[in-house]
N, C-alpha and C. Protein backbone atom coordinates (compact mmCIF):
# COMPACT_ATOMS: atom_id res chain seq x y z
N MET A 1 123.16 89.61 95.69
CA MET A 1 121.81 90.12 95.53
C MET A 1 121.81 91.05 94.33
N GLY A 2 120.82 90.93 93.55
CA GLY A 2 120.76 91.78 92.37
C GLY A 2 119.53 91.45 91.58
N GLY A 3 119.47 91.95 90.40
CA GLY A 3 118.32 91.69 89.55
C GLY A 3 118.15 92.80 88.55
N ARG A 4 118.42 94.01 88.96
CA ARG A 4 118.36 95.12 88.04
C ARG A 4 119.74 95.30 87.43
N PRO A 5 119.80 95.91 86.26
CA PRO A 5 121.13 96.19 85.71
C PRO A 5 121.89 97.08 86.69
N GLY A 6 123.12 96.78 86.91
CA GLY A 6 123.93 97.53 87.84
C GLY A 6 124.91 96.61 88.51
N VAL A 7 125.71 97.17 89.36
CA VAL A 7 126.72 96.37 90.05
C VAL A 7 126.75 96.74 91.52
N SER A 8 127.11 95.77 92.33
CA SER A 8 127.36 96.06 93.74
C SER A 8 128.74 96.68 93.83
N THR A 9 128.81 97.87 94.37
CA THR A 9 130.08 98.59 94.44
C THR A 9 130.75 98.46 95.79
N GLU A 10 129.98 98.10 96.81
CA GLU A 10 130.52 97.91 98.15
C GLU A 10 129.76 96.78 98.82
N ALA A 11 130.47 95.98 99.62
CA ALA A 11 129.82 94.94 100.41
C ALA A 11 130.65 94.69 101.66
N GLU A 12 130.00 94.77 102.78
CA GLU A 12 130.62 94.47 104.07
C GLU A 12 129.73 93.45 104.74
N ILE A 13 130.31 92.31 105.13
CA ILE A 13 129.51 91.24 105.69
C ILE A 13 130.24 90.63 106.89
N ASP A 14 129.57 90.61 108.03
CA ASP A 14 130.08 89.97 109.24
C ASP A 14 129.05 88.90 109.60
N LEU A 15 129.16 87.74 108.96
CA LEU A 15 128.13 86.70 109.00
C LEU A 15 128.19 85.90 110.30
N ARG A 16 127.55 86.47 111.32
CA ARG A 16 127.41 85.83 112.63
C ARG A 16 126.23 86.51 113.31
N VAL A 17 125.61 85.82 114.25
CA VAL A 17 124.51 86.44 114.98
C VAL A 17 125.02 87.72 115.64
N GLY A 18 124.32 88.82 115.39
CA GLY A 18 124.73 90.12 115.90
C GLY A 18 125.65 90.87 114.94
N GLY A 19 126.19 90.16 113.95
CA GLY A 19 127.03 90.81 112.95
C GLY A 19 126.18 91.64 112.00
N ARG A 20 126.81 92.57 111.33
CA ARG A 20 126.09 93.47 110.43
C ARG A 20 126.57 93.27 109.00
N TYR A 21 125.74 93.71 108.06
CA TYR A 21 126.11 93.72 106.66
C TYR A 21 125.70 95.05 106.05
N ARG A 22 126.32 95.38 104.94
CA ARG A 22 125.95 96.57 104.16
C ARG A 22 126.29 96.29 102.71
N ILE A 23 125.35 96.56 101.82
CA ILE A 23 125.56 96.36 100.39
C ILE A 23 125.13 97.63 99.67
N VAL A 24 126.01 98.14 98.82
CA VAL A 24 125.72 99.32 98.01
C VAL A 24 125.78 98.91 96.55
N SER A 25 124.73 99.20 95.82
CA SER A 25 124.68 98.92 94.39
C SER A 25 124.48 100.22 93.64
N GLN A 26 125.02 100.25 92.42
CA GLN A 26 124.87 101.44 91.59
C GLN A 26 124.28 101.03 90.24
N LEU A 27 123.22 101.72 89.84
CA LEU A 27 122.58 101.47 88.57
C LEU A 27 123.33 102.20 87.45
N PRO A 28 123.10 101.81 86.20
CA PRO A 28 123.79 102.47 85.09
C PRO A 28 123.59 103.98 85.05
N ASP A 29 122.44 104.46 85.54
CA ASP A 29 122.18 105.91 85.52
C ASP A 29 122.85 106.64 86.69
N GLY A 30 123.59 105.90 87.53
CA GLY A 30 124.30 106.51 88.66
C GLY A 30 123.54 106.43 89.97
N GLU A 31 122.26 106.07 89.93
CA GLU A 31 121.48 105.95 91.16
C GLU A 31 122.07 104.86 92.05
N ARG A 32 122.19 105.17 93.35
CA ARG A 32 122.78 104.21 94.30
C ARG A 32 121.71 103.69 95.26
N HIS A 33 121.83 102.43 95.59
CA HIS A 33 120.96 101.80 96.57
C HIS A 33 121.84 101.24 97.67
N ASP A 34 121.55 101.62 98.91
CA ASP A 34 122.37 101.28 100.07
C ASP A 34 121.47 100.60 101.10
N VAL A 35 121.72 99.32 101.37
CA VAL A 35 120.92 98.57 102.31
C VAL A 35 121.83 97.94 103.36
N SER A 36 121.32 97.82 104.57
CA SER A 36 122.12 97.21 105.63
C SER A 36 121.19 96.57 106.66
N GLY A 37 121.80 95.80 107.55
CA GLY A 37 121.03 95.16 108.59
C GLY A 37 121.91 94.34 109.50
N GLU A 38 121.25 93.56 110.34
CA GLU A 38 121.93 92.73 111.33
C GLU A 38 121.49 91.28 111.17
N TYR A 39 122.43 90.37 111.30
CA TYR A 39 122.11 88.94 111.26
C TYR A 39 121.49 88.54 112.58
N LEU A 40 120.28 87.98 112.52
CA LEU A 40 119.54 87.60 113.71
C LEU A 40 119.64 86.11 114.00
N GLU A 41 119.82 85.33 112.95
CA GLU A 41 119.94 83.88 113.08
C GLU A 41 120.85 83.38 111.97
N VAL A 42 121.82 82.56 112.32
CA VAL A 42 122.75 81.99 111.34
C VAL A 42 122.93 80.51 111.66
N LEU A 43 122.35 79.66 110.83
CA LEU A 43 122.51 78.21 110.96
C LEU A 43 123.15 77.73 109.67
N PRO A 44 124.46 77.50 109.66
CA PRO A 44 125.16 77.15 108.42
C PRO A 44 124.46 76.05 107.64
N GLN A 45 124.35 76.29 106.34
CA GLN A 45 123.74 75.38 105.37
C GLN A 45 122.26 75.12 105.63
N ARG A 46 121.63 75.90 106.54
CA ARG A 46 120.22 75.68 106.85
C ARG A 46 119.36 76.93 106.83
N ARG A 47 119.82 78.01 107.49
CA ARG A 47 118.92 79.16 107.67
C ARG A 47 119.70 80.44 107.94
N LEU A 48 119.20 81.53 107.34
CA LEU A 48 119.68 82.89 107.62
C LEU A 48 118.47 83.76 107.89
N VAL A 49 118.55 84.58 108.93
CA VAL A 49 117.52 85.57 109.21
C VAL A 49 118.24 86.87 109.51
N PHE A 50 117.81 87.95 108.84
CA PHE A 50 118.46 89.23 109.05
C PHE A 50 117.50 90.39 108.83
N SER A 51 117.80 91.49 109.48
CA SER A 51 117.00 92.69 109.29
C SER A 51 117.42 93.35 107.97
N TRP A 52 116.56 94.23 107.46
CA TRP A 52 116.76 94.85 106.15
C TRP A 52 116.26 96.29 106.23
N ALA A 53 117.13 97.24 105.98
CA ALA A 53 116.70 98.65 106.00
C ALA A 53 117.51 99.44 104.97
N TRP A 54 116.82 100.23 104.18
CA TRP A 54 117.47 101.10 103.21
C TRP A 54 118.05 102.31 103.94
N ARG A 55 119.16 102.78 103.48
CA ARG A 55 119.79 103.95 104.11
C ARG A 55 118.84 105.16 104.04
N SER A 56 118.07 105.24 102.97
CA SER A 56 117.15 106.38 102.79
C SER A 56 115.97 106.34 103.76
N THR A 57 115.64 105.16 104.30
CA THR A 57 114.52 105.03 105.25
C THR A 57 114.93 104.07 106.37
N PRO A 58 115.90 104.45 107.20
CA PRO A 58 116.41 103.54 108.23
C PRO A 58 115.39 103.14 109.29
N GLU A 59 114.34 103.93 109.43
CA GLU A 59 113.32 103.61 110.44
C GLU A 59 112.38 102.50 109.96
N ARG A 60 112.45 102.13 108.69
CA ARG A 60 111.57 101.11 108.11
C ARG A 60 112.32 99.78 108.03
N VAL A 61 112.46 99.12 109.15
CA VAL A 61 113.21 97.87 109.21
C VAL A 61 112.26 96.70 108.96
N SER A 62 112.61 95.88 107.98
CA SER A 62 111.87 94.66 107.71
C SER A 62 112.79 93.47 108.01
N ARG A 63 112.31 92.27 107.73
CA ARG A 63 113.08 91.07 108.06
C ARG A 63 113.07 90.10 106.88
N ILE A 64 114.21 89.46 106.66
CA ILE A 64 114.33 88.43 105.63
C ILE A 64 114.74 87.13 106.30
N SER A 65 114.02 86.05 105.94
CA SER A 65 114.34 84.70 106.41
C SER A 65 114.58 83.84 105.18
N ILE A 66 115.70 83.14 105.16
CA ILE A 66 116.02 82.24 104.04
C ILE A 66 116.32 80.87 104.62
N ASP A 67 115.54 79.88 104.17
CA ASP A 67 115.78 78.50 104.57
C ASP A 67 116.29 77.73 103.36
N PHE A 68 117.33 76.93 103.57
CA PHE A 68 117.91 76.09 102.54
C PHE A 68 117.51 74.65 102.87
N ILE A 69 116.78 74.00 101.95
CA ILE A 69 116.19 72.70 102.22
C ILE A 69 116.71 71.68 101.21
N ALA A 70 117.37 70.62 101.69
CA ALA A 70 117.87 69.57 100.80
C ALA A 70 116.70 68.88 100.12
N ARG A 71 116.79 68.78 98.78
CA ARG A 71 115.72 68.14 98.01
C ARG A 71 116.28 67.49 96.76
N ASP A 72 115.98 66.23 96.57
CA ASP A 72 116.28 65.53 95.32
C ASP A 72 117.66 65.84 94.76
N GLY A 73 118.69 65.71 95.57
CA GLY A 73 120.04 65.95 95.10
C GLY A 73 120.38 67.41 94.90
N GLY A 74 119.52 68.31 95.35
CA GLY A 74 119.76 69.74 95.21
C GLY A 74 119.32 70.47 96.47
N THR A 75 119.05 71.74 96.31
CA THR A 75 118.64 72.57 97.43
C THR A 75 117.48 73.46 97.03
N ALA A 76 116.42 73.44 97.82
CA ALA A 76 115.30 74.36 97.63
C ALA A 76 115.56 75.57 98.53
N LEU A 77 115.12 76.71 98.07
CA LEU A 77 115.30 77.95 98.82
C LEU A 77 113.92 78.49 99.19
N LEU A 78 113.69 78.69 100.47
CA LEU A 78 112.45 79.31 100.94
C LEU A 78 112.80 80.71 101.42
N PHE A 79 112.32 81.72 100.73
CA PHE A 79 112.66 83.11 100.99
C PHE A 79 111.40 83.83 101.47
N VAL A 80 111.48 84.45 102.64
CA VAL A 80 110.36 85.21 103.18
C VAL A 80 110.87 86.59 103.60
N HIS A 81 110.25 87.62 103.04
CA HIS A 81 110.56 89.00 103.43
C HIS A 81 109.28 89.53 104.06
N ASP A 82 109.34 89.91 105.34
CA ASP A 82 108.14 90.33 106.04
C ASP A 82 108.42 91.51 106.97
N ARG A 83 107.41 91.85 107.76
CA ARG A 83 107.45 92.96 108.71
C ARG A 83 107.66 94.32 108.02
N PHE A 84 106.92 94.52 106.96
CA PHE A 84 107.03 95.77 106.20
C PHE A 84 106.36 96.93 106.90
N PHE A 85 106.83 98.12 106.61
CA PHE A 85 106.28 99.36 107.16
C PHE A 85 104.82 99.52 106.76
N ASP A 86 104.51 99.21 105.49
CA ASP A 86 103.14 99.32 105.00
C ASP A 86 102.99 98.47 103.74
N ASP A 87 101.77 98.43 103.19
CA ASP A 87 101.51 97.62 102.00
C ASP A 87 102.29 98.10 100.79
N GLN A 88 102.51 99.39 100.68
CA GLN A 88 103.27 99.92 99.54
C GLN A 88 104.71 99.44 99.60
N ALA A 89 105.30 99.43 100.78
CA ALA A 89 106.67 98.92 100.93
C ALA A 89 106.74 97.45 100.55
N ARG A 90 105.73 96.68 100.96
CA ARG A 90 105.68 95.26 100.59
C ARG A 90 105.63 95.10 99.07
N ALA A 91 104.77 95.86 98.42
CA ALA A 91 104.63 95.78 96.96
C ALA A 91 105.92 96.20 96.26
N ASN A 92 106.56 97.24 96.75
CA ASN A 92 107.81 97.70 96.14
C ASN A 92 108.90 96.63 96.27
N HIS A 93 109.00 96.00 97.42
CA HIS A 93 110.01 94.97 97.61
C HIS A 93 109.70 93.74 96.76
N GLU A 94 108.44 93.37 96.67
CA GLU A 94 108.07 92.24 95.81
C GLU A 94 108.49 92.52 94.37
N ARG A 95 108.21 93.71 93.90
CA ARG A 95 108.59 94.11 92.54
C ARG A 95 110.12 94.09 92.38
N GLY A 96 110.84 94.46 93.42
CA GLY A 96 112.30 94.45 93.36
C GLY A 96 112.91 93.06 93.42
N TRP A 97 112.30 92.16 94.19
CA TRP A 97 112.86 90.81 94.32
C TRP A 97 112.61 89.96 93.09
N GLN A 98 111.53 90.20 92.34
CA GLN A 98 111.22 89.36 91.19
C GLN A 98 112.37 89.28 90.18
N PRO A 99 112.96 90.41 89.76
CA PRO A 99 114.08 90.28 88.82
C PRO A 99 115.32 89.64 89.46
N ALA A 100 115.50 89.81 90.76
CA ALA A 100 116.63 89.17 91.43
C ALA A 100 116.51 87.65 91.36
N PHE A 101 115.30 87.13 91.60
CA PHE A 101 115.11 85.69 91.52
C PHE A 101 115.14 85.18 90.09
N ALA A 102 114.69 85.98 89.14
CA ALA A 102 114.79 85.60 87.73
C ALA A 102 116.27 85.50 87.33
N GLN A 103 117.07 86.43 87.80
CA GLN A 103 118.51 86.40 87.51
C GLN A 103 119.16 85.18 88.16
N LEU A 104 118.80 84.86 89.39
CA LEU A 104 119.33 83.68 90.06
C LEU A 104 118.94 82.41 89.31
N ASP A 105 117.69 82.34 88.89
CA ASP A 105 117.21 81.18 88.13
C ASP A 105 118.00 81.02 86.83
N ALA A 106 118.21 82.11 86.11
CA ALA A 106 118.96 82.05 84.85
C ALA A 106 120.40 81.60 85.10
N PHE A 107 120.99 82.06 86.20
CA PHE A 107 122.35 81.68 86.55
C PHE A 107 122.44 80.18 86.86
N LEU A 108 121.44 79.65 87.56
CA LEU A 108 121.47 78.25 87.98
C LEU A 108 121.03 77.27 86.91
N GLN A 109 120.28 77.70 85.91
CA GLN A 109 119.74 76.79 84.90
C GLN A 109 120.79 75.89 84.24
N PRO A 110 121.91 76.42 83.77
CA PRO A 110 122.90 75.51 83.15
C PRO A 110 123.38 74.45 84.13
N GLN A 111 123.53 74.78 85.40
CA GLN A 111 123.98 73.81 86.39
C GLN A 111 122.90 72.77 86.67
N ILE A 112 121.65 73.16 86.64
CA ILE A 112 120.55 72.24 86.88
C ILE A 112 120.47 71.26 85.71
N GLN A 113 120.60 71.75 84.49
CA GLN A 113 120.49 70.91 83.31
C GLN A 113 121.65 69.91 83.21
N GLU A 114 122.83 70.28 83.75
CA GLU A 114 123.99 69.38 83.72
C GLU A 114 123.88 68.27 84.75
N ALA A 115 123.12 68.52 85.81
CA ALA A 115 123.04 67.54 86.91
C ALA A 115 122.27 66.31 86.53
């Protein structure tokens, strides 16, 4: 996960229903982002659903659902982030996910063109 300049400095992942994850990223200016949650649904090669909460606001738990759908010799990704605390949280997350998906798209483009 990413999109802004910076690096993930820590990652703990227990990928099973009831398992937890934690990802810490650090921006070039030293600002740290710490997010964690619990896996709610794990269907290998098909679907992941997990909770999402920033360490700075642990009471604001949202949910992410990712479906992987076989299409035309590739895979489509359906990403839904919902159950936000309020509209501002939704807007902030939307703004944060946009560069992450742009970065993923840029990473995958050479592989798509070769296929």
